[in-house]
Amino acid sequence: MGKNYYADSLNSANLFQVYETGIERVRRYLDEEIEFVRKNLHGRERILELGAGYGRIMKKLAPHAGSIVGIDISEDSIAFGKEYLKNTPNCSLLTMDGHRIEFSDEFDVVICLQNGLSAMKGNPLNLVRRSMAALTPGGKAYFSSYSPRFWEVRLAWFLEQASRGLLGEIDMEKTGDGKIVCRDGFTATTFSASDLAELGEKIGCAYHIEEVDESSLLLVLEKD
């Protein structure tokens, strides 16, 4: 169930509602992570977003980039997103599995934000390797997870989602240590700083890890 949860359950209108949170600290987290990427753009970059959903991040970055291609496994989210982005001409959406992309030297930036590395179930090393192949030399890839310091806020956000019927009921006995478990079978995990560093080392390129807003951990890799 976890593999296709975002395609089968948490997609389009439901996903839109997830980000319409009433928790101000969560809204700040969402904005600050996007701002971290935005401030490193020059306005001409070709960007690929993995796990783009309906294009929420794409719309925010569109004024600061040359073009953005977003991919997601949910056909429903892509259809919703095409309407959402209809007045954003430098953005396009494709139904595609990030673990199977075969782009080569096509993008200046790849982003997989807001815990996308965990949400896109599969081998994370494969996802990162394929992303690096998609980059032009000198291009950068950004992968994010949650900071441990954001745990209480993150849990409150998931409880909010569950109370609104956007997620299954949270199993509090199984939830903890960075992992949130729903009774419908969905599990949300994270990557620690050491996990991200291990990925960077295995890729073998220049990388660094940065904490943003005490809410996100960003693995930033640069292609040789």
N, C-alpha and C. Protein backbone atom coordinates (compact mmCIF):
# COMPACT_ATOMS: atom_id res chain seq x y z
N MET A 1 0.82 -1.21 0.00
CA MET A 1 0.00 0.00 0.00
C MET A 1 0.85 1.25 0.00
N GLY A 2 1.96 1.25 0.75
CA GLY A 2 2.78 2.44 0.85
C GLY A 2 3.36 2.88 -0.47
N LYS A 3 3.66 1.89 -1.35
CA LYS A 3 4.34 2.21 -2.60
C LYS A 3 3.52 3.17 -3.45
N ASN A 4 2.19 2.96 -3.51
CA ASN A 4 1.35 3.76 -4.38
C ASN A 4 0.36 4.63 -3.61
N TYR A 5 0.64 4.90 -2.35
CA TYR A 5 -0.28 5.67 -1.51
C TYR A 5 -0.57 7.03 -2.12
N TYR A 6 0.47 7.68 -2.65
CA TYR A 6 0.28 9.02 -3.21
C TYR A 6 -0.44 8.98 -4.55
N ALA A 7 -0.44 7.83 -5.19
CA ALA A 7 -1.20 7.69 -6.44
C ALA A 7 -2.64 7.29 -6.15
N ASP A 8 -2.84 6.45 -5.14
CA ASP A 8 -4.16 5.87 -4.90
C ASP A 8 -5.01 6.65 -3.91
N SER A 9 -4.39 7.27 -2.91
CA SER A 9 -5.15 7.89 -1.83
C SER A 9 -4.87 9.37 -1.64
N LEU A 10 -3.58 9.70 -1.48
CA LEU A 10 -3.24 11.09 -1.15
C LEU A 10 -2.84 11.83 -2.42
N ASN A 11 -3.84 12.13 -3.25
CA ASN A 11 -3.55 12.79 -4.53
C ASN A 11 -4.52 13.93 -4.79
N SER A 12 -4.27 14.69 -5.79
CA SER A 12 -5.08 15.81 -6.29
C SER A 12 -5.70 16.64 -5.18
N ALA A 13 -7.02 16.64 -5.06
CA ALA A 13 -7.69 17.52 -4.12
C ALA A 13 -7.29 17.22 -2.68
N ASN A 14 -7.11 15.94 -2.34
CA ASN A 14 -6.68 15.60 -0.99
C ASN A 14 -5.30 16.16 -0.70
N LEU A 15 -4.39 16.03 -1.67
CA LEU A 15 -3.04 16.55 -1.49
C LEU A 15 -3.07 18.07 -1.35
N PHE A 16 -3.92 18.72 -2.13
CA PHE A 16 -4.08 20.17 -2.04
C PHE A 16 -4.48 20.56 -0.62
N GLN A 17 -5.40 19.81 -0.02
CA GLN A 17 -5.88 20.12 1.33
C GLN A 17 -4.80 19.89 2.39
N VAL A 18 -3.91 18.94 2.14
CA VAL A 18 -2.81 18.70 3.08
C VAL A 18 -2.02 19.98 3.34
N TYR A 19 -1.80 20.75 2.26
CA TYR A 19 -0.98 21.95 2.37
C TYR A 19 -1.79 23.18 2.78
N GLU A 20 -3.11 23.02 2.88
CA GLU A 20 -3.95 24.08 3.42
C GLU A 20 -4.04 23.90 4.93
N THR A 21 -2.91 23.82 5.57
CA THR A 21 -2.84 23.54 7.01
C THR A 21 -3.15 24.78 7.84
N GLY A 22 -3.70 24.52 9.01
CA GLY A 22 -3.96 25.60 9.94
C GLY A 22 -2.80 25.84 10.89
N ILE A 23 -1.71 25.10 10.74
CA ILE A 23 -0.56 25.22 11.65
C ILE A 23 0.47 26.16 11.03
N GLU A 24 0.62 27.34 11.61
CA GLU A 24 1.49 28.36 11.05
C GLU A 24 2.93 27.88 10.94
N ARG A 25 3.42 27.12 11.90
CA ARG A 25 4.80 26.65 11.88
C ARG A 25 5.03 25.71 10.69
N VAL A 26 4.03 24.95 10.31
CA VAL A 26 4.15 24.10 9.13
C VAL A 26 4.20 24.94 7.87
N ARG A 27 3.37 25.96 7.80
CA ARG A 27 3.39 26.84 6.63
C ARG A 27 4.76 27.49 6.46
N ARG A 28 5.38 27.85 7.58
CA ARG A 28 6.71 28.44 7.52
C ARG A 28 7.73 27.43 7.00
N TYR A 29 7.65 26.20 7.49
CA TYR A 29 8.53 25.13 7.02
C TYR A 29 8.41 24.95 5.51
N LEU A 30 7.19 24.89 5.01
CA LEU A 30 6.96 24.70 3.58
C LEU A 30 7.60 25.84 2.78
N ASP A 31 7.40 27.06 3.24
CA ASP A 31 7.92 28.22 2.53
C ASP A 31 9.44 28.31 2.60
N GLU A 32 10.01 28.04 3.77
CA GLU A 32 11.45 28.21 3.96
C GLU A 32 12.25 27.21 3.13
N GLU A 33 11.73 26.00 2.98
CA GLU A 33 12.46 25.01 2.19
C GLU A 33 12.48 25.41 0.71
N ILE A 34 11.36 25.90 0.22
CA ILE A 34 11.31 26.37 -1.16
C ILE A 34 12.22 27.59 -1.33
N GLU A 35 12.22 28.47 -0.35
CA GLU A 35 13.06 29.67 -0.42
C GLU A 35 14.54 29.30 -0.47
N PHE A 36 14.91 28.23 0.19
CA PHE A 36 16.31 27.79 0.17
C PHE A 36 16.75 27.49 -1.26
N VAL A 37 15.88 26.84 -2.02
CA VAL A 37 16.20 26.56 -3.42
C VAL A 37 16.13 27.84 -4.25
N ARG A 38 15.09 28.62 -4.05
CA ARG A 38 14.87 29.82 -4.85
C ARG A 38 16.06 30.77 -4.81
N LYS A 39 16.63 30.95 -3.62
CA LYS A 39 17.71 31.92 -3.49
C LYS A 39 18.99 31.49 -4.21
N ASN A 40 19.03 30.22 -4.63
CA ASN A 40 20.19 29.72 -5.38
C ASN A 40 19.94 29.67 -6.89
N LEU A 41 18.80 30.19 -7.33
CA LEU A 41 18.49 30.22 -8.75
C LEU A 41 18.86 31.58 -9.34
N HIS A 42 19.15 31.57 -10.64
CA HIS A 42 19.52 32.81 -11.34
C HIS A 42 18.45 33.25 -12.34
N GLY A 43 17.41 32.43 -12.53
CA GLY A 43 16.31 32.83 -13.39
C GLY A 43 16.26 32.15 -14.73
N ARG A 44 17.29 31.38 -15.07
CA ARG A 44 17.35 30.75 -16.39
C ARG A 44 17.36 29.21 -16.32
N GLU A 45 17.41 28.68 -15.14
CA GLU A 45 17.61 27.23 -14.98
C GLU A 45 16.45 26.40 -15.53
N ARG A 46 16.82 25.23 -16.05
CA ARG A 46 15.86 24.19 -16.41
C ARG A 46 15.78 23.26 -15.21
N ILE A 47 14.62 23.16 -14.62
CA ILE A 47 14.44 22.42 -13.36
C ILE A 47 13.59 21.19 -13.60
N LEU A 48 13.96 20.09 -12.95
CA LEU A 48 13.15 18.88 -12.90
C LEU A 48 12.73 18.67 -11.46
N GLU A 49 11.43 18.55 -11.23
CA GLU A 49 10.96 18.23 -9.87
C GLU A 49 10.43 16.81 -9.83
N LEU A 50 10.94 16.03 -8.89
CA LEU A 50 10.49 14.66 -8.66
C LEU A 50 9.40 14.67 -7.60
N GLY A 51 8.33 13.92 -7.84
CA GLY A 51 7.23 13.90 -6.88
C GLY A 51 6.54 15.25 -6.80
N ALA A 52 6.24 15.81 -7.95
CA ALA A 52 5.74 17.18 -8.02
C ALA A 52 4.30 17.34 -7.58
N GLY A 53 3.55 16.24 -7.47
CA GLY A 53 2.14 16.35 -7.09
C GLY A 53 1.38 17.17 -8.12
N TYR A 54 0.63 18.16 -7.63
CA TYR A 54 -0.15 19.00 -8.54
C TYR A 54 0.57 20.28 -8.94
N GLY A 55 1.85 20.41 -8.54
CA GLY A 55 2.65 21.55 -8.99
C GLY A 55 2.75 22.72 -8.04
N ARG A 56 2.47 22.47 -6.77
CA ARG A 56 2.50 23.55 -5.77
C ARG A 56 3.86 24.24 -5.72
N ILE A 57 4.94 23.46 -5.64
CA ILE A 57 6.29 24.02 -5.57
C ILE A 57 6.67 24.64 -6.91
N MET A 58 6.29 23.98 -7.98
CA MET A 58 6.60 24.50 -9.31
C MET A 58 6.06 25.91 -9.49
N LYS A 59 4.83 26.13 -9.06
CA LYS A 59 4.20 27.45 -9.22
C LYS A 59 4.95 28.52 -8.47
N LYS A 60 5.48 28.17 -7.30
CA LYS A 60 6.23 29.14 -6.50
C LYS A 60 7.60 29.45 -7.11
N LEU A 61 8.20 28.45 -7.74
CA LEU A 61 9.54 28.65 -8.32
C LEU A 61 9.50 29.16 -9.76
N ALA A 62 8.37 29.04 -10.42
CA ALA A 62 8.27 29.39 -11.84
C ALA A 62 8.78 30.79 -12.19
N PRO A 63 8.48 31.82 -11.37
CA PRO A 63 8.97 33.16 -11.73
C PRO A 63 10.49 33.30 -11.65
N HIS A 64 11.15 32.32 -11.06
CA HIS A 64 12.59 32.41 -10.81
C HIS A 64 13.39 31.41 -11.63
N ALA A 65 12.74 30.75 -12.61
CA ALA A 65 13.41 29.71 -13.41
C ALA A 65 13.08 29.89 -14.88
N GLY A 66 13.90 29.25 -15.72
CA GLY A 66 13.61 29.26 -17.15
C GLY A 66 12.44 28.36 -17.48
N SER A 67 12.50 27.12 -16.99
CA SER A 67 11.43 26.15 -17.21
C SER A 67 11.46 25.11 -16.09
N ILE A 68 10.31 24.51 -15.84
CA ILE A 68 10.22 23.47 -14.82
C ILE A 68 9.38 22.32 -15.36
N VAL A 69 9.93 21.11 -15.30
CA VAL A 69 9.20 19.89 -15.61
C VAL A 69 8.96 19.16 -14.30
N GLY A 70 7.71 18.84 -14.02
CA GLY A 70 7.39 18.10 -12.82
C GLY A 70 6.88 16.72 -13.17
N ILE A 71 7.32 15.71 -12.43
CA ILE A 71 6.83 14.35 -12.65
C ILE A 71 6.22 13.80 -11.37
N ASP A 72 5.20 12.94 -11.54
CA ASP A 72 4.54 12.31 -10.40
C ASP A 72 3.89 11.02 -10.88
N ILE A 73 3.73 10.05 -9.98
CA ILE A 73 3.13 8.78 -10.38
C ILE A 73 1.61 8.83 -10.42
N SER A 74 1.02 9.87 -9.82
CA SER A 74 -0.43 9.96 -9.74
C SER A 74 -1.00 10.67 -10.96
N GLU A 75 -1.72 9.94 -11.80
CA GLU A 75 -2.36 10.55 -12.95
C GLU A 75 -3.40 11.57 -12.51
N ASP A 76 -4.05 11.31 -11.39
CA ASP A 76 -5.06 12.22 -10.86
C ASP A 76 -4.43 13.56 -10.46
N SER A 77 -3.29 13.49 -9.78
CA SER A 77 -2.59 14.72 -9.38
C SER A 77 -2.10 15.49 -10.60
N ILE A 78 -1.60 14.78 -11.61
CA ILE A 78 -1.12 15.44 -12.81
C ILE A 78 -2.26 16.16 -13.53
N ALA A 79 -3.42 15.51 -13.62
CA ALA A 79 -4.59 16.14 -14.26
C ALA A 79 -5.01 17.39 -13.49
N PHE A 80 -5.06 17.28 -12.17
CA PHE A 80 -5.40 18.42 -11.31
C PHE A 80 -4.37 19.53 -11.49
N GLY A 81 -3.10 19.13 -11.56
CA GLY A 81 -2.02 20.10 -11.67
C GLY A 81 -2.01 20.85 -12.98
N LYS A 82 -2.40 20.20 -14.06
CA LYS A 82 -2.42 20.89 -15.34
C LYS A 82 -3.40 22.05 -15.32
N GLU A 83 -4.50 21.90 -14.60
CA GLU A 83 -5.44 23.00 -14.42
C GLU A 83 -4.86 24.06 -13.48
N TYR A 84 -4.22 23.59 -12.41
CA TYR A 84 -3.62 24.48 -11.41
C TYR A 84 -2.53 25.36 -12.04
N LEU A 85 -1.81 24.81 -13.01
CA LEU A 85 -0.68 25.52 -13.63
C LEU A 85 -1.01 26.10 -15.00
N LYS A 86 -2.28 26.17 -15.33
CA LYS A 86 -2.64 26.55 -16.70
C LYS A 86 -2.18 27.95 -17.08
N ASN A 87 -1.96 28.82 -16.10
CA ASN A 87 -1.49 30.17 -16.38
C ASN A 87 0.00 30.34 -16.07
N THR A 88 0.70 29.21 -16.00
CA THR A 88 2.14 29.22 -15.72
C THR A 88 2.84 28.54 -16.89
N PRO A 89 3.10 29.28 -17.96
CA PRO A 89 3.52 28.66 -19.22
C PRO A 89 4.88 27.98 -19.21
N ASN A 90 5.75 28.31 -18.25
CA ASN A 90 7.07 27.66 -18.24
C ASN A 90 7.09 26.38 -17.41
N CYS A 91 5.89 25.89 -17.04
CA CYS A 91 5.79 24.65 -16.26
C CYS A 91 5.04 23.58 -17.05
N SER A 92 5.50 22.33 -16.93
CA SER A 92 4.80 21.20 -17.53
C SER A 92 4.86 20.01 -16.59
N LEU A 93 3.84 19.16 -16.66
CA LEU A 93 3.72 18.00 -15.78
C LEU A 93 3.64 16.72 -16.60
N LEU A 94 4.30 15.67 -16.10
CA LEU A 94 4.29 14.37 -16.75
C LEU A 94 4.00 13.28 -15.73
N THR A 95 3.21 12.29 -16.12
CA THR A 95 3.00 11.12 -15.25
C THR A 95 4.17 10.18 -15.45
N MET A 96 4.96 10.02 -14.40
CA MET A 96 6.20 9.25 -14.52
C MET A 96 6.68 8.85 -13.12
N ASP A 97 7.33 7.71 -13.04
CA ASP A 97 7.93 7.23 -11.80
C ASP A 97 9.36 7.73 -11.71
N GLY A 98 9.67 8.48 -10.66
CA GLY A 98 11.01 9.03 -10.51
C GLY A 98 12.10 7.98 -10.48
N HIS A 99 11.77 6.78 -10.04
CA HIS A 99 12.76 5.70 -9.98
C HIS A 99 13.07 5.11 -11.36
N ARG A 100 12.32 5.58 -12.38
CA ARG A 100 12.54 5.03 -13.72
C ARG A 100 12.89 6.10 -14.75
N ILE A 101 13.18 7.30 -14.30
CA ILE A 101 13.50 8.35 -15.25
C ILE A 101 14.80 8.02 -16.00
N GLU A 102 14.86 8.45 -17.24
CA GLU A 102 16.04 8.17 -18.07
C GLU A 102 16.52 9.44 -18.76
N PHE A 103 16.37 10.58 -18.10
CA PHE A 103 16.90 11.83 -18.65
C PHE A 103 18.42 11.81 -18.58
N SER A 104 19.04 12.49 -19.51
CA SER A 104 20.51 12.55 -19.54
C SER A 104 20.97 13.96 -19.88
N ASP A 105 21.67 14.59 -18.95
CA ASP A 105 22.26 15.92 -19.16
C ASP A 105 21.25 16.94 -19.68
N GLU A 106 20.05 16.92 -19.11
CA GLU A 106 18.98 17.79 -19.63
C GLU A 106 18.61 18.94 -18.70
N PHE A 107 18.95 18.85 -17.42
CA PHE A 107 18.46 19.84 -16.45
C PHE A 107 19.62 20.46 -15.67
N ASP A 108 19.42 21.70 -15.28
CA ASP A 108 20.41 22.41 -14.45
C ASP A 108 20.19 22.14 -12.98
N VAL A 109 18.96 21.84 -12.61
CA VAL A 109 18.59 21.62 -11.21
C VAL A 109 17.58 20.49 -11.14
N VAL A 110 17.75 19.59 -10.17
CA VAL A 110 16.74 18.59 -9.83
C VAL A 110 16.34 18.82 -8.39
N ILE A 111 15.05 18.83 -8.12
CA ILE A 111 14.57 18.99 -6.75
C ILE A 111 13.65 17.84 -6.37
N CYS A 112 13.78 17.42 -5.14
CA CYS A 112 12.90 16.41 -4.55
C CYS A 112 12.71 16.85 -3.09
N LEU A 113 11.73 17.71 -2.89
CA LEU A 113 11.63 18.44 -1.63
C LEU A 113 10.56 17.88 -0.70
N GLN A 114 10.55 18.43 0.51
CA GLN A 114 9.53 18.17 1.52
C GLN A 114 9.30 16.68 1.73
N ASN A 115 10.46 16.06 2.05
CA ASN A 115 10.54 14.64 2.38
C ASN A 115 10.21 13.73 1.20
N GLY A 116 10.37 14.25 -0.01
CA GLY A 116 10.08 13.44 -1.19
C GLY A 116 10.94 12.19 -1.29
N LEU A 117 12.16 12.26 -0.77
CA LEU A 117 13.05 11.11 -0.83
C LEU A 117 12.46 9.91 -0.09
N SER A 118 11.72 10.16 0.99
CA SER A 118 11.04 9.09 1.72
C SER A 118 9.69 8.76 1.09
N ALA A 119 8.99 9.79 0.63
CA ALA A 119 7.64 9.58 0.08
C ALA A 119 7.68 8.76 -1.20
N MET A 120 8.74 8.91 -1.98
CA MET A 120 8.85 8.16 -3.24
C MET A 120 9.46 6.80 -2.94
N LYS A 121 8.61 5.87 -2.58
CA LYS A 121 9.06 4.56 -2.11
C LYS A 121 9.90 3.85 -3.16
N GLY A 122 10.96 3.22 -2.68
CA GLY A 122 11.89 2.52 -3.57
C GLY A 122 13.30 2.72 -3.07
N ASN A 123 14.26 2.33 -3.88
CA ASN A 123 15.67 2.45 -3.50
C ASN A 123 16.12 3.90 -3.64
N PRO A 124 16.41 4.59 -2.55
CA PRO A 124 16.78 6.01 -2.64
C PRO A 124 18.06 6.26 -3.43
N LEU A 125 18.99 5.32 -3.36
CA LEU A 125 20.24 5.48 -4.11
C LEU A 125 19.97 5.48 -5.61
N ASN A 126 19.05 4.63 -6.05
CA ASN A 126 18.67 4.61 -7.46
C ASN A 126 18.07 5.95 -7.87
N LEU A 127 17.20 6.50 -7.02
CA LEU A 127 16.56 7.77 -7.31
C LEU A 127 17.59 8.89 -7.44
N VAL A 128 18.55 8.92 -6.53
CA VAL A 128 19.58 9.95 -6.57
C VAL A 128 20.48 9.77 -7.79
N ARG A 129 20.86 8.55 -8.09
CA ARG A 129 21.72 8.30 -9.25
C ARG A 129 21.04 8.72 -10.55
N ARG A 130 19.78 8.41 -10.70
CA ARG A 130 19.06 8.80 -11.91
C ARG A 130 18.91 10.31 -11.98
N SER A 131 18.76 10.94 -10.84
CA SER A 131 18.67 12.40 -10.81
C SER A 131 19.98 13.04 -11.23
N MET A 132 21.08 12.49 -10.76
CA MET A 132 22.39 13.04 -11.14
C MET A 132 22.63 12.86 -12.64
N ALA A 133 22.17 11.75 -13.19
CA ALA A 133 22.32 11.53 -14.64
C ALA A 133 21.52 12.56 -15.44
N ALA A 134 20.42 13.03 -14.86
CA ALA A 134 19.57 14.01 -15.55
C ALA A 134 20.20 15.41 -15.58
N LEU A 135 21.17 15.64 -14.72
CA LEU A 135 21.79 16.97 -14.61
C LEU A 135 22.85 17.22 -15.67
N THR A 136 22.98 18.48 -16.06
CA THR A 136 24.12 18.92 -16.87
C THR A 136 25.33 19.06 -15.94
N PRO A 137 26.55 18.99 -16.45
CA PRO A 137 27.73 19.21 -15.60
C PRO A 137 27.63 20.56 -14.86
N GLY A 138 27.91 20.52 -13.57
CA GLY A 138 27.79 21.72 -12.74
C GLY A 138 26.41 21.90 -12.16
N GLY A 139 25.46 21.05 -12.58
CA GLY A 139 24.09 21.15 -12.06
C GLY A 139 23.99 20.65 -10.63
N LYS A 140 22.91 21.05 -9.96
CA LYS A 140 22.72 20.68 -8.56
C LYS A 140 21.41 19.95 -8.34
N ALA A 141 21.45 19.01 -7.41
CA ALA A 141 20.25 18.28 -6.99
C ALA A 141 20.01 18.54 -5.51
N TYR A 142 18.74 18.72 -5.16
CA TYR A 142 18.34 19.01 -3.79
C TYR A 142 17.36 17.94 -3.33
N PHE A 143 17.73 17.24 -2.25
CA PHE A 143 16.86 16.23 -1.65
C PHE A 143 16.64 16.60 -0.19
N SER A 144 15.40 16.59 0.25
CA SER A 144 15.15 17.01 1.62
C SER A 144 14.47 15.93 2.45
N SER A 145 14.69 16.03 3.75
CA SER A 145 13.98 15.25 4.74
C SER A 145 13.68 16.17 5.90
N TYR A 146 13.03 15.64 6.92
CA TYR A 146 12.70 16.46 8.09
C TYR A 146 13.86 16.50 9.07
N SER A 147 14.06 17.64 9.69
CA SER A 147 15.00 17.73 10.80
C SER A 147 14.39 17.06 12.03
N PRO A 148 15.18 16.38 12.84
CA PRO A 148 14.66 15.80 14.08
C PRO A 148 14.04 16.86 14.99
N ARG A 149 14.49 18.10 14.86
CA ARG A 149 13.97 19.17 15.71
C ARG A 149 12.56 19.58 15.33
N PHE A 150 12.07 19.06 14.21
CA PHE A 150 10.72 19.41 13.74
C PHE A 150 9.69 18.34 14.12
N TRP A 151 10.12 17.34 14.87
CA TRP A 151 9.27 16.18 15.13
C TRP A 151 7.90 16.53 15.70
N GLU A 152 7.84 17.33 16.76
CA GLU A 152 6.56 17.63 17.41
C GLU A 152 5.61 18.34 16.46
N VAL A 153 6.13 19.27 15.67
CA VAL A 153 5.29 19.99 14.71
C VAL A 153 4.83 19.06 13.60
N ARG A 154 5.75 18.24 13.13
CA ARG A 154 5.40 17.28 12.07
C ARG A 154 4.30 16.34 12.53
N LEU A 155 4.41 15.82 13.74
CA LEU A 155 3.39 14.92 14.26
C LEU A 155 2.05 15.64 14.38
N ALA A 156 2.07 16.88 14.85
CA ALA A 156 0.83 17.66 14.94
C ALA A 156 0.19 17.85 13.57
N TRP A 157 1.02 18.04 12.56
CA TRP A 157 0.52 18.21 11.19
C TRP A 157 -0.14 16.93 10.69
N PHE A 158 0.48 15.79 10.95
CA PHE A 158 -0.10 14.52 10.52
C PHE A 158 -1.39 14.21 11.28
N LEU A 159 -1.43 14.56 12.55
CA LEU A 159 -2.67 14.38 13.32
C LEU A 159 -3.77 15.26 12.76
N GLU A 160 -3.41 16.47 12.34
CA GLU A 160 -4.37 17.37 11.70
C GLU A 160 -4.91 16.73 10.42
N GLN A 161 -4.02 16.17 9.61
CA GLN A 161 -4.45 15.53 8.36
C GLN A 161 -5.39 14.35 8.64
N ALA A 162 -5.04 13.55 9.64
CA ALA A 162 -5.87 12.40 9.99
C ALA A 162 -7.25 12.85 10.46
N SER A 163 -7.30 13.93 11.23
CA SER A 163 -8.58 14.42 11.75
C SER A 163 -9.49 14.92 10.63
N ARG A 164 -8.89 15.29 9.51
CA ARG A 164 -9.65 15.80 8.36
C ARG A 164 -9.93 14.70 7.33
N GLY A 165 -9.54 13.47 7.66
CA GLY A 165 -9.79 12.36 6.76
C GLY A 165 -8.86 12.28 5.58
N LEU A 166 -7.73 13.00 5.63
CA LEU A 166 -6.78 13.00 4.52
C LEU A 166 -5.79 11.86 4.64
N LEU A 167 -5.62 11.36 5.84
CA LEU A 167 -4.78 10.19 6.13
C LEU A 167 -5.58 9.25 7.01
N GLY A 168 -5.11 8.01 7.11
CA GLY A 168 -5.72 7.10 8.06
C GLY A 168 -5.39 7.51 9.50
N GLU A 169 -6.09 6.95 10.43
CA GLU A 169 -5.84 7.22 11.85
C GLU A 169 -4.39 6.91 12.20
N ILE A 170 -3.76 7.78 12.98
CA ILE A 170 -2.38 7.56 13.40
C ILE A 170 -2.32 6.50 14.49
N ASP A 171 -1.46 5.52 14.31
CA ASP A 171 -1.23 4.49 15.34
C ASP A 171 -0.14 5.02 16.27
N MET A 172 -0.56 5.60 17.38
CA MET A 172 0.39 6.26 18.27
C MET A 172 1.33 5.28 18.95
N GLU A 173 0.93 4.02 19.11
CA GLU A 173 1.81 3.03 19.72
C GLU A 173 3.00 2.70 18.82
N LYS A 174 2.80 2.78 17.52
CA LYS A 174 3.87 2.45 16.58
C LYS A 174 4.59 3.69 16.06
N THR A 175 4.07 4.86 16.39
CA THR A 175 4.64 6.11 15.90
C THR A 175 5.69 6.64 16.85
N GLY A 176 6.83 7.04 16.32
CA GLY A 176 7.90 7.61 17.14
C GLY A 176 9.24 7.47 16.45
N ASP A 177 10.25 8.13 16.99
CA ASP A 177 11.61 8.06 16.46
C ASP A 177 11.64 8.41 14.98
N GLY A 178 10.91 9.46 14.60
CA GLY A 178 10.92 9.93 13.22
C GLY A 178 9.96 9.24 12.28
N LYS A 179 9.28 8.19 12.76
CA LYS A 179 8.38 7.41 11.90
C LYS A 179 6.94 7.61 12.35
N ILE A 180 6.05 7.90 11.37
CA ILE A 180 4.63 8.03 11.64
C ILE A 180 3.91 6.90 10.93
N VAL A 181 3.12 6.14 11.68
CA VAL A 181 2.44 4.97 11.15
C VAL A 181 0.93 5.18 11.21
N CYS A 182 0.26 4.97 10.08
CA CYS A 182 -1.19 5.07 10.02
C CYS A 182 -1.80 3.67 10.04
N ARG A 183 -3.00 3.58 10.57
CA ARG A 183 -3.65 2.27 10.67
C ARG A 183 -4.10 1.73 9.31
N ASP A 184 -4.09 2.57 8.27
CA ASP A 184 -4.46 2.08 6.94
C ASP A 184 -3.26 1.52 6.19
N GLY A 185 -2.11 1.45 6.87
CA GLY A 185 -0.93 0.84 6.27
C GLY A 185 0.13 1.82 5.80
N PHE A 186 -0.20 3.11 5.78
CA PHE A 186 0.76 4.12 5.33
C PHE A 186 1.78 4.41 6.43
N THR A 187 3.04 4.49 6.06
CA THR A 187 4.11 4.84 6.99
C THR A 187 4.95 5.95 6.40
N ALA A 188 5.19 7.00 7.19
CA ALA A 188 6.01 8.13 6.75
C ALA A 188 7.32 8.09 7.52
N THR A 189 8.43 7.97 6.81
CA THR A 189 9.74 7.88 7.42
C THR A 189 10.57 9.11 7.07
N THR A 190 11.78 9.15 7.58
CA THR A 190 12.69 10.26 7.30
C THR A 190 14.10 9.73 7.06
N PHE A 191 14.98 10.64 6.63
CA PHE A 191 16.40 10.34 6.50
C PHE A 191 17.16 11.21 7.50
N SER A 192 18.05 10.60 8.23
CA SER A 192 18.89 11.35 9.17
C SER A 192 20.03 12.01 8.40
N ALA A 193 20.76 12.89 9.08
CA ALA A 193 21.91 13.52 8.44
C ALA A 193 22.93 12.48 8.00
N SER A 194 23.12 11.45 8.82
CA SER A 194 24.08 10.40 8.45
C SER A 194 23.58 9.58 7.27
N ASP A 195 22.26 9.37 7.17
CA ASP A 195 21.68 8.67 6.02
C ASP A 195 21.94 9.46 4.74
N LEU A 196 21.73 10.78 4.82
CA LEU A 196 21.94 11.63 3.65
C LEU A 196 23.42 11.66 3.26
N ALA A 197 24.28 11.72 4.28
CA ALA A 197 25.72 11.72 4.00
C ALA A 197 26.15 10.42 3.34
N GLU A 198 25.57 9.31 3.74
CA GLU A 198 25.90 8.02 3.14
C GLU A 198 25.52 8.02 1.66
N LEU A 199 24.36 8.61 1.34
CA LEU A 199 23.97 8.71 -0.07
C LEU A 199 24.97 9.56 -0.84
N GLY A 200 25.35 10.70 -0.26
CA GLY A 200 26.31 11.57 -0.91
C GLY A 200 27.63 10.87 -1.17
N GLU A 201 28.10 10.11 -0.20
CA GLU A 201 29.36 9.38 -0.36
C GLU A 201 29.26 8.33 -1.46
N LYS A 202 28.13 7.65 -1.53
CA LYS A 202 27.97 6.59 -2.54
C LYS A 202 27.88 7.18 -3.95
N ILE A 203 27.32 8.37 -4.06
CA ILE A 203 27.24 9.02 -5.38
C ILE A 203 28.64 9.45 -5.83
N GLY A 204 29.47 9.90 -4.88
CA GLY A 204 30.85 10.19 -5.18
C GLY A 204 31.10 11.56 -5.81
N CYS A 205 30.19 12.50 -5.61
CA CYS A 205 30.40 13.86 -6.11
C CYS A 205 30.45 14.82 -4.93
N ALA A 206 30.68 16.10 -5.23
CA ALA A 206 30.68 17.10 -4.17
C ALA A 206 29.27 17.22 -3.60
N TYR A 207 29.17 17.25 -2.27
CA TYR A 207 27.86 17.38 -1.64
C TYR A 207 28.01 18.05 -0.28
N HIS A 208 26.92 18.59 0.21
CA HIS A 208 26.89 19.04 1.59
C HIS A 208 25.47 18.89 2.12
N ILE A 209 25.35 18.92 3.43
CA ILE A 209 24.05 18.78 4.10
C ILE A 209 23.82 20.04 4.92
N GLU A 210 22.64 20.58 4.79
CA GLU A 210 22.33 21.83 5.48
C GLU A 210 20.97 21.73 6.16
N GLU A 211 20.91 22.22 7.39
CA GLU A 211 19.62 22.31 8.07
C GLU A 211 19.00 23.66 7.75
N VAL A 212 17.72 23.65 7.41
CA VAL A 212 17.00 24.86 7.05
C VAL A 212 15.86 25.08 8.04
N ASP A 213 15.85 26.24 8.70
CA ASP A 213 14.73 26.65 9.54
C ASP A 213 14.45 25.69 10.70
N GLU A 214 15.43 24.89 11.09
CA GLU A 214 15.23 23.89 12.14
C GLU A 214 14.06 22.96 11.82
N SER A 215 13.79 22.80 10.52
CA SER A 215 12.68 21.94 10.12
C SER A 215 13.07 20.96 9.02
N SER A 216 14.06 21.31 8.20
CA SER A 216 14.46 20.46 7.08
C SER A 216 15.94 20.14 7.12
N LEU A 217 16.27 18.96 6.60
CA LEU A 217 17.65 18.62 6.27
C LEU A 217 17.74 18.51 4.76
N LEU A 218 18.65 19.25 4.15
CA LEU A 218 18.83 19.25 2.71
C LEU A 218 20.15 18.62 2.32
N LEU A 219 20.07 17.59 1.47
CA LEU A 219 21.26 17.05 0.82
C LEU A 219 21.38 17.74 -0.53
N VAL A 220 22.48 18.46 -0.71
CA VAL A 220 22.73 19.20 -1.95
C VAL A 220 23.93 18.57 -2.64
N LEU A 221 23.74 18.08 -3.86
CA LEU A 221 24.81 17.44 -4.62
C LEU A 221 25.10 18.25 -5.88
N GLU A 222 26.36 18.29 -6.28
CA GLU A 222 26.74 19.01 -7.49
C GLU A 222 27.44 18.04 -8.44
N LYS A 223 26.95 18.00 -9.67
CA LYS A 223 27.51 17.08 -10.67
C LYS A 223 28.84 17.62 -11.20
N ASP A 224 29.81 16.75 -11.32
CA ASP A 224 31.13 17.15 -11.84
C ASP A 224 31.02 17.61 -13.28
